[in-house]
N, C-alpha and C. Protein backbone atom coordinates (compact mmCIF):
# COMPACT_ATOMS: atom_id res chain seq x y z
N MET A 1 17.10 -11.54 229.33
CA MET A 1 17.75 -13.02 228.55
C MET A 1 18.76 -12.42 228.54
N GLN A 2 19.65 -13.52 228.74
CA GLN A 2 20.84 -13.35 228.05
C GLN A 2 21.69 -14.37 226.92
N VAL A 3 22.31 -13.69 226.21
CA VAL A 3 22.54 -14.39 225.25
C VAL A 3 24.34 -13.76 224.58
N THR A 4 25.29 -14.44 223.59
CA THR A 4 25.84 -14.19 223.34
C THR A 4 26.08 -14.25 221.95
N VAL A 5 27.26 -12.74 221.50
CA VAL A 5 27.15 -12.79 220.13
C VAL A 5 27.74 -13.77 219.55
N LEU A 6 26.98 -14.08 218.04
CA LEU A 6 27.28 -14.54 217.78
C LEU A 6 28.60 -14.36 216.53
N ARG A 7 28.12 -13.29 215.96
CA ARG A 7 28.69 -13.17 214.52
C ARG A 7 28.19 -11.45 214.68
N VAL A 8 28.93 -10.16 214.03
CA VAL A 8 28.38 -9.27 213.73
C VAL A 8 28.94 -8.96 212.38
N GLU A 9 28.05 -8.06 211.31
CA GLU A 9 27.58 -8.07 210.18
C GLU A 9 27.98 -6.45 210.26
N THR A 10 29.54 -6.20 209.77
CA THR A 10 29.22 -4.79 209.30
C THR A 10 29.32 -4.68 207.78
N THR A 11 28.12 -4.82 207.51
CA THR A 11 27.69 -4.45 205.54
C THR A 11 27.31 -2.96 205.74
N SER A 12 26.97 -2.04 206.42
CA SER A 12 26.55 -0.73 206.86
C SER A 12 27.59 0.11 207.50
N ARG A 13 26.40 0.88 207.51
CA ARG A 13 27.96 1.90 208.72
C ARG A 13 27.48 1.43 210.22
N VAL A 14 26.31 1.37 210.27
CA VAL A 14 25.69 0.21 211.55
C VAL A 14 26.02 -0.81 211.39
N ALA A 15 26.14 -2.05 212.19
CA ALA A 15 26.17 -3.26 212.08
C ALA A 15 25.00 -3.61 212.67
N ASP A 16 24.60 -4.99 211.76
CA ASP A 16 23.59 -5.78 212.48
C ASP A 16 24.71 -6.49 213.27
N ALA A 17 23.59 -7.67 214.05
CA ALA A 17 24.46 -8.51 215.05
C ALA A 17 23.22 -10.07 214.83
N VAL A 18 23.64 -10.93 214.93
CA VAL A 18 23.36 -12.14 215.38
C VAL A 18 23.76 -13.11 216.53
N VAL A 19 22.94 -13.03 217.80
CA VAL A 19 23.58 -14.00 219.10
C VAL A 19 22.59 -14.90 219.30
N VAL A 20 23.07 -15.45 220.31
CA VAL A 20 22.04 -16.63 220.26
C VAL A 20 21.86 -17.01 221.89
N THR A 21 21.17 -17.34 222.17
CA THR A 21 20.28 -17.58 223.36
C THR A 21 20.49 -18.69 224.19
N ASP A 22 20.75 -18.98 225.81
CA ASP A 22 21.46 -20.17 226.24
C ASP A 22 20.62 -21.24 225.60
N SER A 23 19.52 -21.28 225.33
CA SER A 23 18.89 -22.35 224.69
C SER A 23 19.00 -23.17 223.48
N GLY A 24 20.22 -22.04 222.82
CA GLY A 24 20.13 -22.08 220.91
C GLY A 24 19.81 -21.35 220.48
N HIS A 25 18.91 -20.56 220.59
CA HIS A 25 18.53 -20.01 219.61
C HIS A 25 18.38 -18.77 218.86
N ARG A 26 18.70 -18.95 217.95
CA ARG A 26 19.95 -17.09 216.86
C ARG A 26 18.70 -15.91 216.74
N LEU A 27 18.98 -14.92 217.17
CA LEU A 27 18.06 -13.36 217.03
C LEU A 27 18.86 -13.17 216.42
N THR A 28 18.18 -11.79 215.56
CA THR A 28 19.03 -11.22 215.14
C THR A 28 18.66 -9.79 215.58
N VAL A 29 20.11 -9.09 215.69
CA VAL A 29 19.85 -7.81 216.44
C VAL A 29 19.62 -6.88 215.06
N PRO A 30 18.57 -5.94 215.09
CA PRO A 30 18.98 -4.67 213.98
C PRO A 30 20.02 -3.47 214.48
N GLY A 31 20.43 -3.02 213.66
CA GLY A 31 21.67 -2.00 213.45
C GLY A 31 21.18 -1.06 214.56
N SER A 32 19.75 -0.67 213.72
CA SER A 32 18.90 0.39 214.90
C SER A 32 19.05 0.29 216.33
N VAL A 33 19.61 -1.42 216.70
CA VAL A 33 18.99 -1.61 218.31
C VAL A 33 20.58 -1.44 218.66
N VAL A 34 21.46 -1.56 218.01
CA VAL A 34 22.62 -1.72 218.54
C VAL A 34 23.20 0.32 218.43
N ALA A 35 22.47 0.94 217.22
CA ALA A 35 23.05 2.35 217.86
C ALA A 35 22.34 3.02 218.34
N GLY A 36 21.39 2.47 218.98
CA GLY A 36 20.21 3.08 220.09
C GLY A 36 21.32 2.38 221.46
N SER A 37 22.25 1.69 221.36
CA SER A 37 22.48 1.00 222.58
C SER A 37 23.73 2.15 223.42
N ARG A 38 23.94 2.11 224.50
CA ARG A 38 25.57 2.78 225.15
C ARG A 38 26.43 1.99 224.77
N LEU A 39 26.47 0.83 223.97
CA LEU A 39 27.76 0.33 223.51
C LEU A 39 28.29 0.86 222.46
N ARG A 40 29.68 0.89 222.35
CA ARG A 40 30.49 1.48 221.23
C ARG A 40 30.63 0.51 219.57
N HIS A 41 30.62 -0.85 220.21
CA HIS A 41 30.60 -1.86 219.34
C HIS A 41 30.16 -3.33 220.32
N LEU A 42 30.12 -3.99 219.34
CA LEU A 42 29.59 -5.71 219.94
C LEU A 42 31.23 -6.58 219.00
N ARG A 43 31.63 -7.38 219.44
CA ARG A 43 32.74 -8.54 219.08
C ARG A 43 31.88 -10.31 219.76
N PRO A 44 32.52 -10.96 218.90
CA PRO A 44 31.74 -12.59 218.85
C PRO A 44 32.43 -12.72 220.49
N GLY A 45 31.29 -13.52 220.84
CA GLY A 45 31.70 -14.41 222.59
C GLY A 45 31.45 -13.11 223.85
N GLN A 46 30.44 -12.13 222.93
CA GLN A 46 30.20 -11.55 224.11
C GLN A 46 28.92 -11.17 224.35
N ARG A 47 28.48 -11.45 226.58
CA ARG A 47 27.36 -11.69 226.56
C ARG A 47 26.41 -10.73 226.89
N LEU A 48 25.84 -10.36 226.42
CA LEU A 48 24.71 -8.97 226.78
C LEU A 48 23.37 -9.90 227.36
N HIS A 49 23.00 -8.73 227.40
CA HIS A 49 21.24 -8.97 228.26
C HIS A 49 20.29 -8.34 227.16
N VAL A 50 19.08 -9.11 226.48
CA VAL A 50 18.43 -8.07 225.25
C VAL A 50 16.96 -8.53 226.05
N THR A 51 16.26 -7.56 225.57
CA THR A 51 14.57 -7.26 225.94
C THR A 51 14.03 -8.25 224.26
N VAL A 52 13.65 -8.95 224.30
CA VAL A 52 12.82 -8.91 222.69
C VAL A 52 11.36 -8.66 222.80
N SER A 53 10.66 -8.60 222.01
CA SER A 53 9.25 -8.13 221.48
C SER A 53 8.38 -9.15 222.20
N PRO A 54 7.48 -9.12 222.75
CA PRO A 54 6.56 -10.11 223.44
C PRO A 54 6.30 -11.87 222.15
N ASP A 55 6.09 -11.27 221.41
CA ASP A 55 5.95 -12.67 220.33
C ASP A 55 7.48 -13.31 220.33
N GLY A 56 8.66 -13.12 220.62
CA GLY A 56 10.40 -13.51 220.46
C GLY A 56 10.58 -12.85 219.17
N SER A 57 10.21 -12.89 218.67
CA SER A 57 11.17 -12.56 217.22
C SER A 57 12.00 -11.26 217.09
N GLU A 58 12.01 -10.45 217.84
CA GLU A 58 12.77 -9.67 217.62
C GLU A 58 13.23 -8.78 219.24
N VAL A 59 14.41 -8.17 218.71
CA VAL A 59 15.52 -7.70 219.56
C VAL A 59 14.55 -6.12 219.70
N GLU A 60 14.19 -6.10 220.70
CA GLU A 60 14.20 -4.09 221.05
C GLU A 60 15.19 -3.46 221.57
N ARG A 61 15.63 -3.85 222.49
CA ARG A 61 16.94 -3.71 223.46
C ARG A 61 18.40 -4.67 224.05
N ILE A 62 19.54 -3.94 224.02
CA ILE A 62 20.34 -4.63 224.42
C ILE A 62 21.53 -4.04 225.44
N GLY A 63 22.01 -4.67 226.06
CA GLY A 63 22.71 -4.57 227.13
C GLY A 63 23.86 -5.02 227.68
N LEU A 64 24.75 -4.36 229.15
CA LEU A 64 25.10 -5.38 229.07
C LEU A 64 25.01 -5.12 230.85
N THR A 65 25.18 -6.20 231.59
CA THR A 65 25.43 -6.54 232.71
C THR A 65 25.95 -6.75 233.20
N VAL A 66 26.14 -6.00 234.65
CA VAL A 66 27.70 -6.11 235.26
C VAL A 66 27.59 -6.16 236.50
N HIS A 67 28.06 -7.61 237.51
CA HIS A 67 28.05 -7.81 238.31
C HIS A 67 29.03 -7.72 239.05
N ASP A 68 28.84 -7.43 240.60
CA ASP A 68 30.00 -6.86 241.13
C ASP A 68 30.62 -8.31 241.45
N VAL A 69 31.83 -8.51 241.51
CA VAL A 69 32.48 -9.69 242.39
C VAL A 69 33.59 -9.42 243.39
N SER A 70 32.92 -9.31 244.49
CA SER A 70 33.01 -9.22 245.33
C SER A 70 33.09 -10.45 246.89
């Protein structure tokens, strides 16, 4: 699922993030998921690919989708 980073909450060493889906649903990305990714940091407006739990309530993985523009 594609999402856009809405805000990053840096209240601890590992930042949580709030993302919004293309359909307008907000999801929280726990700092542990951000830390477990290969991303150094997140910024508002950044597009990500996320994997959510079967019930759709929790983000389990995040990553970038890179497209070849040729």
